[in-house]
N, C-alpha and C. Protein backbone atom coordinates (compact mmCIF):
# COMPACT_ATOMS: atom_id res chain seq x y z
N MET A 1 52.05 -49.19 18.10
CA MET A 1 52.29 -49.22 19.47
C MET A 1 53.44 -49.21 20.01
N ALA A 2 53.62 -49.91 21.01
CA ALA A 2 54.36 -49.21 21.76
C ALA A 2 55.06 -50.79 22.31
N ASP A 3 56.29 -50.62 23.37
CA ASP A 3 56.64 -51.91 24.25
C ASP A 3 55.66 -52.18 25.45
N ILE A 4 54.95 -53.30 25.72
CA ILE A 4 54.41 -53.50 26.91
C ILE A 4 55.10 -54.05 27.97
N THR A 5 55.29 -53.54 29.08
CA THR A 5 56.20 -54.34 30.06
C THR A 5 55.22 -54.74 31.03
N TRP A 6 55.19 -56.08 31.55
CA TRP A 6 54.52 -56.81 32.61
C TRP A 6 55.70 -57.41 33.49
N THR A 7 54.90 -57.21 34.82
CA THR A 7 55.84 -57.97 35.84
C THR A 7 55.40 -59.37 36.03
N ARG A 8 56.43 -60.19 36.35
CA ARG A 8 55.87 -61.55 36.17
C ARG A 8 55.22 -61.96 37.44
N GLY A 9 54.25 -62.61 37.50
CA GLY A 9 53.56 -63.19 38.69
C GLY A 9 52.34 -62.48 38.31
N ASP A 10 52.34 -60.94 37.72
CA ASP A 10 50.82 -60.01 37.98
C ASP A 10 49.84 -61.54 37.39
N THR A 11 48.30 -61.33 37.95
CA THR A 11 47.26 -62.14 36.89
C THR A 11 46.48 -61.29 36.81
N LYS A 12 46.76 -59.90 37.12
CA LYS A 12 45.64 -59.15 36.42
C LYS A 12 45.60 -58.49 34.96
N ALA A 13 44.31 -58.01 34.62
CA ALA A 13 43.94 -57.93 32.76
C ALA A 13 44.25 -56.76 32.54
N LEU A 14 45.13 -57.10 31.33
CA LEU A 14 45.90 -56.54 30.24
C LEU A 14 45.14 -55.38 29.46
N ILE A 15 44.84 -54.02 29.78
CA ILE A 15 43.69 -53.37 29.00
C ILE A 15 44.38 -52.45 27.56
N ILE A 16 43.74 -52.50 26.83
CA ILE A 16 44.53 -51.60 25.69
C ILE A 16 43.37 -51.00 25.66
N TRP A 17 43.62 -49.64 24.84
CA TRP A 17 42.89 -49.19 24.32
C TRP A 17 43.19 -48.82 22.44
N ILE A 18 42.65 -49.04 21.37
CA ILE A 18 42.96 -49.06 20.34
C ILE A 18 42.53 -47.22 19.50
N LYS A 19 43.73 -46.71 19.05
CA LYS A 19 43.61 -45.92 18.50
C LYS A 19 44.17 -45.74 17.07
N TYR A 20 43.69 -44.89 15.90
CA TYR A 20 43.91 -44.80 14.75
C TYR A 20 44.28 -43.31 14.15
N VAL A 21 45.05 -42.83 12.96
CA VAL A 21 44.55 -41.67 12.23
C VAL A 21 43.89 -41.85 11.24
N PRO A 22 42.46 -41.61 10.80
CA PRO A 22 41.77 -41.78 9.84
C PRO A 22 42.46 -40.62 8.48
N PHE A 23 41.80 -41.71 7.23
CA PHE A 23 42.62 -40.75 6.35
C PHE A 23 42.46 -39.45 6.30
N GLY A 24 42.96 -38.33 6.07
CA GLY A 24 43.23 -37.18 5.88
C GLY A 24 43.42 -36.20 6.67
N SER A 25 43.24 -36.94 8.11
CA SER A 25 43.47 -36.63 9.23
C SER A 25 45.07 -36.54 10.04
N THR A 26 45.07 -35.98 11.32
CA THR A 26 46.03 -35.47 11.99
C THR A 26 46.08 -36.01 13.31
N THR A 27 44.90 -36.25 13.74
CA THR A 27 44.12 -36.82 14.85
C THR A 27 43.78 -37.79 15.36
N ALA A 28 44.72 -38.67 16.26
CA ALA A 28 44.33 -39.70 16.64
C ALA A 28 42.71 -40.61 17.47
N VAL A 29 41.94 -41.58 16.75
CA VAL A 29 40.91 -41.16 17.32
C VAL A 29 40.84 -42.86 18.07
N TYR A 30 39.97 -42.92 18.65
CA TYR A 30 39.50 -44.54 19.07
C TYR A 30 39.03 -45.32 18.48
N ARG A 31 39.35 -46.37 17.81
CA ARG A 31 39.19 -47.42 16.46
C ARG A 31 37.78 -48.34 17.31
N ASP A 32 36.11 -47.76 16.31
CA ASP A 32 35.42 -48.49 16.38
C ASP A 32 35.48 -49.91 16.30
N LEU A 33 35.51 -50.83 17.66
CA LEU A 33 35.57 -52.16 17.46
C LEU A 33 34.17 -53.00 17.27
N SER A 34 33.23 -52.72 17.27
CA SER A 34 31.88 -52.98 17.06
C SER A 34 31.43 -53.66 15.90
N ASP A 35 32.49 -54.00 14.59
CA ASP A 35 32.15 -54.86 13.68
C ASP A 35 33.24 -56.06 13.98
N CYS A 36 34.20 -55.94 15.06
CA CYS A 36 35.34 -56.42 14.73
C CYS A 36 34.81 -58.41 15.94
N THR A 37 34.89 -59.21 15.04
CA THR A 37 34.23 -60.27 15.65
C THR A 37 35.49 -61.29 16.33
N SER A 38 36.91 -60.86 16.75
CA SER A 38 37.49 -61.84 17.46
C SER A 38 38.76 -60.59 17.10
N ILE A 39 39.83 -60.67 18.73
CA ILE A 39 41.08 -60.02 18.50
C ILE A 39 41.73 -60.93 19.39
N THR A 40 42.70 -61.23 18.93
CA THR A 40 44.42 -61.88 19.86
C THR A 40 45.53 -61.10 19.76
N LEU A 41 46.27 -61.22 21.07
CA LEU A 41 47.10 -61.04 21.57
C LEU A 41 48.12 -62.22 21.55
N CYS A 42 49.33 -62.30 20.54
CA CYS A 42 50.08 -63.49 20.30
C CYS A 42 51.38 -62.71 20.65
N VAL A 43 52.05 -63.43 21.15
CA VAL A 43 53.69 -63.51 22.09
C VAL A 43 54.62 -64.52 21.39
N ASN A 44 55.39 -63.99 21.00
CA ASN A 44 56.74 -64.87 20.19
C ASN A 44 58.05 -64.49 20.65
N THR A 45 58.97 -65.30 20.53
CA THR A 45 60.25 -65.47 20.68
C THR A 45 61.13 -64.76 19.71
N GLU A 46 60.44 -64.70 18.55
CA GLU A 46 61.12 -64.09 17.11
C GLU A 46 59.90 -62.96 16.77
N ALA A 47 60.96 -62.06 15.96
CA ALA A 47 60.51 -60.74 15.75
C ALA A 47 59.36 -60.93 14.27
N LYS A 48 60.35 -62.01 13.41
CA LYS A 48 59.28 -62.14 12.06
C LYS A 48 59.19 -63.90 11.91
N PRO A 49 58.03 -64.33 12.65
CA PRO A 49 58.17 -65.92 12.58
C PRO A 49 57.66 -66.21 11.42
N VAL A 50 58.00 -67.52 10.98
CA VAL A 50 57.08 -68.26 9.51
C VAL A 50 56.13 -69.29 10.06
N ASP A 51 56.23 -69.85 11.20
CA ASP A 51 55.46 -70.42 11.75
C ASP A 51 54.81 -70.45 13.21
N ALA A 52 54.12 -71.05 13.90
CA ALA A 52 53.68 -70.71 15.35
C ALA A 52 54.80 -71.63 16.37
N THR A 53 55.63 -71.90 16.05
CA THR A 53 56.51 -73.49 16.74
C THR A 53 57.28 -72.24 17.62
N ASN A 54 57.90 -70.91 17.64
CA ASN A 54 58.03 -70.36 18.87
C ASN A 54 56.98 -68.79 19.21
N GLU A 55 55.83 -69.69 19.16
CA GLU A 55 55.00 -68.81 19.78
C GLU A 55 54.79 -69.07 21.90
N VAL A 56 54.73 -68.10 22.49
CA VAL A 56 54.96 -68.20 23.63
C VAL A 56 53.89 -68.89 24.37
N PHE A 57 53.00 -67.34 23.92
CA PHE A 57 51.01 -67.74 24.47
C PHE A 57 50.27 -66.83 23.05
N LYS A 58 49.35 -66.81 22.98
CA LYS A 58 48.03 -66.58 22.20
C LYS A 58 47.20 -66.69 22.67
N ILE A 59 46.27 -64.98 23.39
CA ILE A 59 45.07 -64.50 24.20
C ILE A 59 44.17 -64.39 23.52
N VAL A 60 42.74 -64.78 23.41
CA VAL A 60 41.71 -64.00 22.79
C VAL A 60 41.06 -63.19 23.64
N GLY A 61 41.18 -61.73 23.05
CA GLY A 61 40.79 -60.70 24.35
C GLY A 61 39.40 -60.44 24.21
N ASP A 62 38.94 -60.01 25.02
CA ASP A 62 37.09 -59.26 25.37
C ASP A 62 36.60 -58.19 24.61
N ILE A 63 35.70 -57.63 23.64
CA ILE A 63 35.96 -56.52 23.61
C ILE A 63 35.06 -55.80 23.91
N ASP A 64 35.06 -54.99 24.59
CA ASP A 64 34.37 -53.95 25.41
C ASP A 64 32.81 -53.66 24.37
N VAL A 65 31.69 -54.43 25.11
CA VAL A 65 30.57 -54.26 24.12
C VAL A 65 29.97 -52.61 23.73
N ASP A 66 30.21 -51.04 25.00
CA ASP A 66 29.87 -50.47 24.61
C ASP A 66 31.27 -49.62 23.46
N GLN A 67 30.77 -49.62 22.11
CA GLN A 67 31.59 -49.27 21.44
C GLN A 67 30.79 -47.90 20.50
N THR A 68 30.44 -46.81 21.91
CA THR A 68 30.11 -45.69 21.42
C THR A 68 31.26 -44.54 21.66
N GLU A 69 30.80 -43.43 21.05
CA GLU A 69 31.43 -42.41 21.57
C GLU A 69 31.71 -41.91 23.02
N THR A 70 30.72 -42.06 23.83
CA THR A 70 30.58 -42.08 24.86
C THR A 70 30.88 -43.12 25.70
N GLY A 71 31.21 -44.37 25.40
CA GLY A 71 31.37 -45.24 25.74
C GLY A 71 32.64 -45.73 26.00
N ASN A 72 33.34 -47.07 25.71
CA ASN A 72 34.82 -47.52 26.03
C ASN A 72 34.78 -48.06 24.43
N ARG A 73 34.89 -46.57 23.44
CA ARG A 73 35.36 -47.55 22.13
C ARG A 73 36.94 -47.79 22.32
N GLY A 74 36.94 -48.76 21.12
CA GLY A 74 38.98 -48.90 21.23
C GLY A 74 38.98 -49.79 22.50
N LYS A 75 38.38 -50.43 23.67
CA LYS A 75 39.03 -50.98 24.57
C LYS A 75 38.63 -52.52 24.44
N VAL A 76 39.66 -53.02 24.99
CA VAL A 76 40.01 -54.35 24.71
C VAL A 76 40.69 -55.36 26.09
N THR A 77 40.31 -56.20 26.49
CA THR A 77 40.76 -56.70 27.83
C THR A 77 41.34 -58.26 27.52
N PHE A 78 42.70 -57.93 28.05
CA PHE A 78 43.46 -59.51 27.58
C PHE A 78 43.44 -60.33 29.16
N ASP A 79 43.17 -61.36 29.31
CA ASP A 79 42.90 -62.35 30.87
C ASP A 79 44.55 -62.39 30.76
N MET A 80 45.54 -62.43 31.45
CA MET A 80 46.51 -62.50 31.30
C MET A 80 46.75 -64.03 32.85
N ASP A 81 45.97 -64.41 33.44
CA ASP A 81 45.98 -65.16 34.17
C ASP A 81 46.58 -66.25 33.44
N GLY A 82 47.16 -67.26 33.66
CA GLY A 82 48.06 -68.29 32.95
C GLY A 82 49.11 -68.03 32.50
N ASN A 83 49.26 -67.27 32.21
CA ASN A 83 50.39 -66.57 30.93
C ASN A 83 51.73 -65.18 31.61
N GLU A 84 51.30 -65.34 32.98
CA GLU A 84 51.76 -64.50 33.78
C GLU A 84 53.73 -64.88 34.37
N ASP A 85 54.07 -66.08 34.13
CA ASP A 85 55.45 -66.71 34.41
C ASP A 85 56.44 -67.01 33.44
N TYR A 86 56.41 -65.64 32.78
CA TYR A 86 57.71 -65.93 31.74
C TYR A 86 58.95 -64.85 32.04
N LEU A 87 59.61 -64.67 31.51
CA LEU A 87 61.10 -63.68 32.47
C LEU A 87 61.51 -63.52 30.67
N GLY A 88 61.51 -61.94 30.51
CA GLY A 88 62.64 -61.78 29.81
C GLY A 88 62.04 -60.87 28.34
N LYS A 89 62.49 -60.64 27.05
CA LYS A 89 61.75 -59.68 25.82
C LYS A 89 60.95 -60.83 25.02
N TYR A 90 60.38 -60.43 24.34
CA TYR A 90 59.71 -61.20 23.40
C TYR A 90 59.10 -60.41 22.53
N TYR A 91 57.87 -60.69 21.09
CA TYR A 91 57.97 -59.85 20.39
C TYR A 91 56.38 -60.11 20.26
N TYR A 92 55.83 -59.23 20.17
CA TYR A 92 54.51 -59.53 19.90
C TYR A 92 53.08 -58.81 18.66
N ASP A 93 52.17 -59.32 18.65
CA ASP A 93 51.37 -58.59 17.77
C ASP A 93 49.78 -58.52 17.48
N ILE A 94 49.04 -57.47 17.81
CA ILE A 94 47.53 -57.79 18.19
C ILE A 94 46.84 -58.06 16.63
N GLN A 95 45.90 -58.75 16.84
CA GLN A 95 45.19 -59.30 15.30
C GLN A 95 44.01 -59.18 15.86
N ALA A 96 43.21 -58.53 14.91
CA ALA A 96 41.59 -58.70 14.69
C ALA A 96 40.62 -59.38 13.54
N ILE A 97 39.53 -59.67 13.62
CA ILE A 97 38.99 -60.15 12.51
C ILE A 97 37.87 -59.08 12.24
N ILE A 98 38.27 -58.11 11.35
CA ILE A 98 37.09 -57.62 10.72
C ILE A 98 36.33 -58.07 9.90
N ASN A 99 35.07 -58.11 10.05
CA ASN A 99 34.07 -58.19 8.74
C ASN A 99 34.95 -59.67 7.83
N THR A 100 35.37 -60.44 8.70
CA THR A 100 35.95 -61.70 8.15
C THR A 100 37.39 -61.33 7.59
N LYS A 101 38.24 -60.15 7.71
CA LYS A 101 39.43 -59.75 6.83
C LYS A 101 40.10 -59.80 8.31
N LYS A 102 41.28 -59.98 8.00
CA LYS A 102 42.45 -60.06 9.50
C LYS A 102 43.22 -58.25 9.27
N ASP A 103 43.21 -57.74 10.36
CA ASP A 103 43.69 -56.47 10.64
C ASP A 103 44.71 -56.26 11.59
N THR A 104 46.22 -56.36 11.53
CA THR A 104 46.88 -56.25 12.80
C THR A 104 47.42 -54.65 13.09
N PHE A 105 46.97 -54.67 14.27
CA PHE A 105 47.01 -53.06 15.18
C PHE A 105 48.29 -53.03 15.54
N ALA A 106 48.85 -53.87 15.58
CA ALA A 106 50.52 -53.25 16.27
C ALA A 106 51.42 -54.65 15.99
N LYS A 107 52.59 -54.85 15.49
CA LYS A 107 53.82 -55.48 15.46
C LYS A 107 54.95 -55.51 15.53
N GLY A 108 55.72 -56.40 16.24
CA GLY A 108 56.63 -55.87 16.37
C GLY A 108 57.75 -55.55 17.29
N ASP A 109 56.95 -55.21 18.15
CA ASP A 109 57.27 -53.82 19.37
C ASP A 109 57.56 -55.53 20.53
N LEU A 110 58.10 -55.05 21.23
CA LEU A 110 58.76 -55.85 22.71
C LEU A 110 57.30 -56.19 23.75
N PHE A 111 57.38 -57.30 24.08
CA PHE A 111 56.49 -57.52 25.23
C PHE A 111 57.61 -57.85 26.44
N VAL A 112 57.73 -57.16 27.52
CA VAL A 112 58.56 -57.71 28.68
C VAL A 112 58.52 -58.15 30.01
N PHE A 113 58.57 -59.02 30.14
CA PHE A 113 58.22 -59.55 31.53
C PHE A 113 59.39 -59.63 32.36
N THR A 114 59.52 -58.77 33.08
CA THR A 114 60.65 -58.02 34.58
C THR A 114 60.02 -58.98 35.66
N GLN A 115 61.16 -59.29 36.06
CA GLN A 115 60.73 -59.94 37.04
C GLN A 115 60.20 -58.91 39.14
N ASP A 116 60.01 -59.99 39.49
CA ASP A 116 58.89 -59.45 41.10
C ASP A 116 59.77 -59.73 41.89
N ILE A 117 59.53 -58.77 42.41
CA ILE A 117 60.55 -58.62 44.02
C ILE A 117 59.36 -59.38 45.09
N ASN A 118 58.22 -59.29 45.33
CA ASN A 118 57.40 -59.89 46.12
C ASN A 118 57.06 -61.25 45.76
N LYS A 119 57.47 -62.02 46.70
CA LYS A 119 57.56 -63.36 46.50
C LYS A 119 56.23 -63.90 47.33
N ASP A 120 54.99 -63.31 47.76
CA ASP A 120 53.76 -63.58 48.34
C ASP A 120 53.13 -64.16 47.49
C-alpha cells in the first residue's frame, strides 16, 4: 500500500480496494474477501508499536457483499466520521481476519492528516 492523505475535518468514507499478486503471477488482481470475517484500519503514532498505548484510532471496515469478479471484489469502506479531527503524520496498518487467521494487507506506511482551509 501507499501513504493515505486525509484532509482534516472530512467526514466522507475512506474506500480502499485490496489487490494482491497471486503466487506464480506478475499481475495484481483484486482480493476476494468473501472469506473475511472482519477488517480493521489501525492508526498509531509509532511505526512499530509493542502495544496499543499510542493508538490514535481503530476502525472496523465494511466489506462489500458482492465479492464476485464482476462486482466489488476487494472493496472495503471505513467510516471516518468521528476520526477526522487529527493533524500530522501517523502510521497505519490494515488487518483482516480470514478463516480465523490474521492477515495484514498493509503496514508501515503513513496516514497523513492535512489542514483544511474551508472552515464552514
